[in-house]
Protein backbone atom coordinates (compact mmCIF):
# COMPACT_ATOMS: atom_id res chain seq x y z
CA UNK A 1 3.27 -2.26 -5.62
CA UNK A 2 2.36 1.12 -4.27
CA UNK A 3 -1.26 2.09 -3.79
CA UNK A 4 -1.99 5.73 -4.52
CA UNK A 5 -4.76 7.70 -2.84
CA UNK A 6 -6.35 10.97 -3.81
CA UNK A 7 -9.25 12.90 -2.33
CA UNK A 8 -11.80 10.60 -4.02
CA UNK A 9 -9.84 7.72 -5.52
CA UNK A 10 -7.86 4.63 -4.65
CA UNK A 11 -5.40 3.49 -7.31
CA UNK A 12 -4.43 -0.08 -6.50
CA UNK A 13 -2.85 -3.08 -8.23
CA UNK A 14 -5.14 -5.07 -10.50
CA UNK A 15 -6.80 -8.24 -9.22
CA UNK A 16 -8.16 -11.08 -11.39
CA UNK A 17 -11.69 -10.36 -10.15
CA UNK A 18 -11.50 -6.83 -11.66
CA UNK A 19 -12.42 -8.27 -15.07
CA UNK A 20 -16.15 -8.17 -14.26
CA UNK A 21 -16.01 -4.43 -13.54
CA UNK A 22 -14.23 -3.75 -16.85
CA UNK A 23 -16.62 -5.92 -18.84
CA UNK A 24 -19.47 -3.77 -17.50
CA UNK A 25 -18.22 -0.74 -19.47
CA UNK A 26 -15.51 -1.89 -21.89
CA UNK A 27 -17.90 -2.90 -24.64
CA UNK A 28 -19.61 0.50 -24.62
CA UNK A 29 -19.05 2.07 -28.06
CA UNK A 30 -18.21 5.39 -26.38
CA UNK A 31 -15.44 3.70 -24.38
CA UNK A 32 -13.98 2.01 -27.45
CA UNK A 33 -14.43 4.95 -29.83
CA UNK A 34 -10.83 6.20 -29.76
CA UNK A 35 -9.10 2.89 -29.02
CA UNK A 36 -7.09 1.10 -31.67
CA UNK A 37 -8.71 -1.96 -33.27
CA UNK A 38 -6.25 -4.30 -31.53
CA UNK A 39 -6.86 -2.90 -28.06
CA UNK A 40 -7.26 -5.75 -25.54
CA UNK A 41 -10.66 -6.93 -24.41
CA UNK A 42 -11.63 -6.23 -20.81
CA UNK A 43 -10.54 -9.73 -19.71
CA UNK A 44 -7.21 -9.42 -21.57
CA UNK A 45 -6.57 -5.96 -20.13
CA UNK A 46 -7.03 -7.18 -16.58
CA UNK A 47 -5.05 -10.41 -17.15
CA UNK A 48 -2.17 -8.43 -18.69
CA UNK A 49 -2.10 -6.04 -15.73
CA UNK A 50 -2.34 -8.68 -13.02
CA UNK A 51 0.88 -10.25 -14.33
CA UNK A 52 2.65 -7.09 -15.55
CA UNK A 53 6.27 -6.33 -14.71
CA UNK A 54 5.58 -3.54 -12.23
CA UNK A 55 9.10 -2.16 -12.58
CA UNK A 56 8.63 -1.50 -16.30
CA UNK A 57 4.90 -0.90 -16.53
CA UNK A 58 3.17 -0.09 -13.26
CA UNK A 59 -0.58 -0.04 -13.64
CA UNK A 60 -3.45 0.60 -11.29
CA UNK A 61 -7.15 -0.12 -11.16
CA UNK A 62 -8.90 3.19 -10.50
CA UNK A 63 -11.49 2.80 -7.72
CA UNK A 64 -14.20 5.27 -6.76
CA UNK A 65 -16.40 4.50 -3.75
CA UNK A 66 -14.97 0.96 -3.66
CA UNK A 67 -15.85 0.24 -7.31
CA UNK A 68 -13.37 -0.25 -10.17
CA UNK A 69 -14.16 2.45 -12.72
CA UNK A 70 -11.03 2.53 -14.88
CA UNK A 71 -7.31 2.03 -15.16
CA UNK A 72 -4.13 4.04 -15.41
CA UNK A 73 -0.70 2.93 -16.63
CA UNK A 74 2.90 4.06 -16.86
CA UNK A 75 5.09 2.52 -19.55
CA UNK A 76 8.61 3.18 -18.29
CA UNK A 77 11.60 3.62 -20.60
CA UNK A 78 14.23 3.34 -17.85
CA UNK A 79 17.25 3.93 -20.07
CA UNK A 80 15.89 7.38 -21.00
CA UNK A 81 14.08 8.05 -17.67
CA UNK A 82 10.83 8.57 -19.61
CA UNK A 83 7.35 7.18 -19.04
CA UNK A 84 4.20 7.03 -21.13
CA UNK A 85 0.94 7.70 -19.28
CA UNK A 86 -2.38 6.20 -20.37
CA UNK A 87 -5.76 6.15 -18.66
CA UNK A 88 -9.12 4.51 -19.40
CA UNK A 89 -12.38 5.33 -17.62
CA UNK A 90 -15.98 4.18 -17.66
CA UNK A 91 -17.97 6.54 -19.93
CA UNK A 92 -20.60 6.91 -17.18
CA UNK A 93 -18.04 8.95 -15.22
CA UNK A 94 -16.57 11.12 -17.96
CA UNK A 95 -16.47 14.82 -17.23
CA UNK A 96 -16.15 14.43 -13.45
CA UNK A 97 -12.41 15.09 -13.15
CA UNK A 98 -11.55 11.49 -12.31
CA UNK A 99 -8.95 11.05 -15.06
CA UNK A 100 -7.29 14.33 -14.11
CA UNK A 101 -7.24 13.37 -10.42
CA UNK A 102 -5.80 9.91 -11.14
CA UNK A 103 -3.34 11.35 -13.66
CA UNK A 104 -2.00 13.91 -11.21
CA UNK A 105 -1.45 11.18 -8.60
CA UNK A 106 0.49 9.06 -11.09
CA UNK A 107 2.50 12.07 -12.30
CA UNK A 108 3.46 12.79 -8.68
CA UNK A 109 4.53 9.15 -8.28
CA UNK A 110 6.49 9.20 -11.56
CA UNK A 111 8.34 12.42 -10.84
CA UNK A 112 8.68 12.05 -7.06
CA UNK A 113 9.14 8.36 -6.33
CA UNK A 114 10.47 7.01 -9.62
CA UNK A 115 12.50 10.14 -10.48
CA UNK A 116 11.30 10.01 -14.08
CA UNK A 117 12.52 13.04 -16.08
CA UNK A 118 9.62 13.24 -18.52
CA UNK A 119 6.12 11.81 -18.88
CA UNK A 120 4.35 11.81 -22.22
CA UNK A 121 0.91 10.77 -23.41
CA UNK A 122 -0.77 10.18 -26.76
CA UNK A 123 -4.32 10.62 -27.97
CA UNK A 124 -6.35 10.50 -31.13
CA UNK A 125 -6.25 14.10 -32.37
CA UNK A 126 -10.06 14.12 -32.49
CA UNK A 127 -10.35 13.17 -28.80
CA UNK A 128 -10.87 16.69 -27.42
CA UNK A 129 -11.66 15.48 -23.89
CA UNK A 130 -8.36 13.59 -23.55
CA UNK A 131 -6.46 16.55 -24.91
CA UNK A 132 -8.11 18.88 -22.37
CA UNK A 133 -7.19 16.56 -19.50
CA UNK A 134 -3.55 16.43 -20.60
CA UNK A 135 -3.45 20.22 -20.80
CA UNK A 136 -5.10 20.62 -17.37
CA UNK A 137 -2.44 18.28 -15.98
CA UNK A 138 0.20 20.70 -17.24
CA UNK A 139 1.25 18.82 -20.35
CA UNK A 140 2.07 20.64 -23.55
CA UNK A 141 1.39 19.43 -27.06
CA UNK A 142 4.72 18.45 -28.55
CA UNK A 143 3.74 16.94 -31.83
CA UNK A 144 1.19 15.80 -34.33
CA UNK A 145 1.68 12.47 -36.04
CA UNK A 146 -0.37 12.69 -39.23
CA UNK A 147 -2.28 9.56 -40.32
CA UNK A 148 -0.33 7.72 -37.65
CA UNK A 149 -2.61 4.82 -36.81
CA UNK A 150 -5.83 3.09 -37.77
CA UNK A 151 -9.09 3.74 -35.98
CA UNK A 152 -11.77 1.12 -35.32
CA UNK A 153 -13.20 1.50 -38.83
CA UNK A 154 -9.79 1.08 -40.47
CA UNK A 155 -9.41 4.77 -41.36
CA UNK A 156 -6.11 6.55 -40.75
CA UNK A 157 -6.22 9.07 -37.90
CA UNK A 158 -3.85 11.69 -36.57
CA UNK A 159 -2.34 11.27 -33.14
CA UNK A 160 -1.12 14.02 -30.82
CA UNK A 161 1.75 13.74 -28.35
CA UNK A 162 1.80 15.70 -25.10
CA UNK A 163 4.66 15.90 -22.63
CA UNK A 164 5.65 17.21 -19.22
CA UNK A 165 9.11 17.31 -17.65
CA UNK A 166 9.90 17.00 -13.97
CA UNK A 167 11.14 20.62 -14.01
CA UNK A 168 7.79 21.79 -15.40
CA UNK A 169 5.70 19.67 -13.02
CA UNK A 170 3.81 21.67 -10.42
CA UNK A 171 2.25 19.39 -7.80
CA UNK A 172 -1.17 20.39 -6.54
């Protein structure tokens, strides 16, 4: 699978030994705050991505200064030439532009290499930081799904959908 490089980051395939890095931050309540109750544990997340079908769901460990600090995924719907983008990052590094930098690299890969027509992403409507990153990446809010899923406490929460087409994409 393709490694992607940015100014600060290396996005590389997952390795079994990455589980320790994820365990270090995945139990942080801030990290889990907007994740669904059934979201995989750190060990499950890494195991799932080591063995993933890279044609349908390429995923990368996000590395900064040689350390795994997060992950980024594309869920490809090949029949429609669509892909869903998702990213997770250690809370200790929030607000430093890492998700945006990784996201732009994966968008370039999706639109350039994979010839995907559209990339979309979802977020809890209350997750203002994720929404800002999607907007900075050029995505537009396309919808609001009211009371769409359960949060960690079992309460219903709204979810927003953002999208970006290859025609709209403006590489940096």
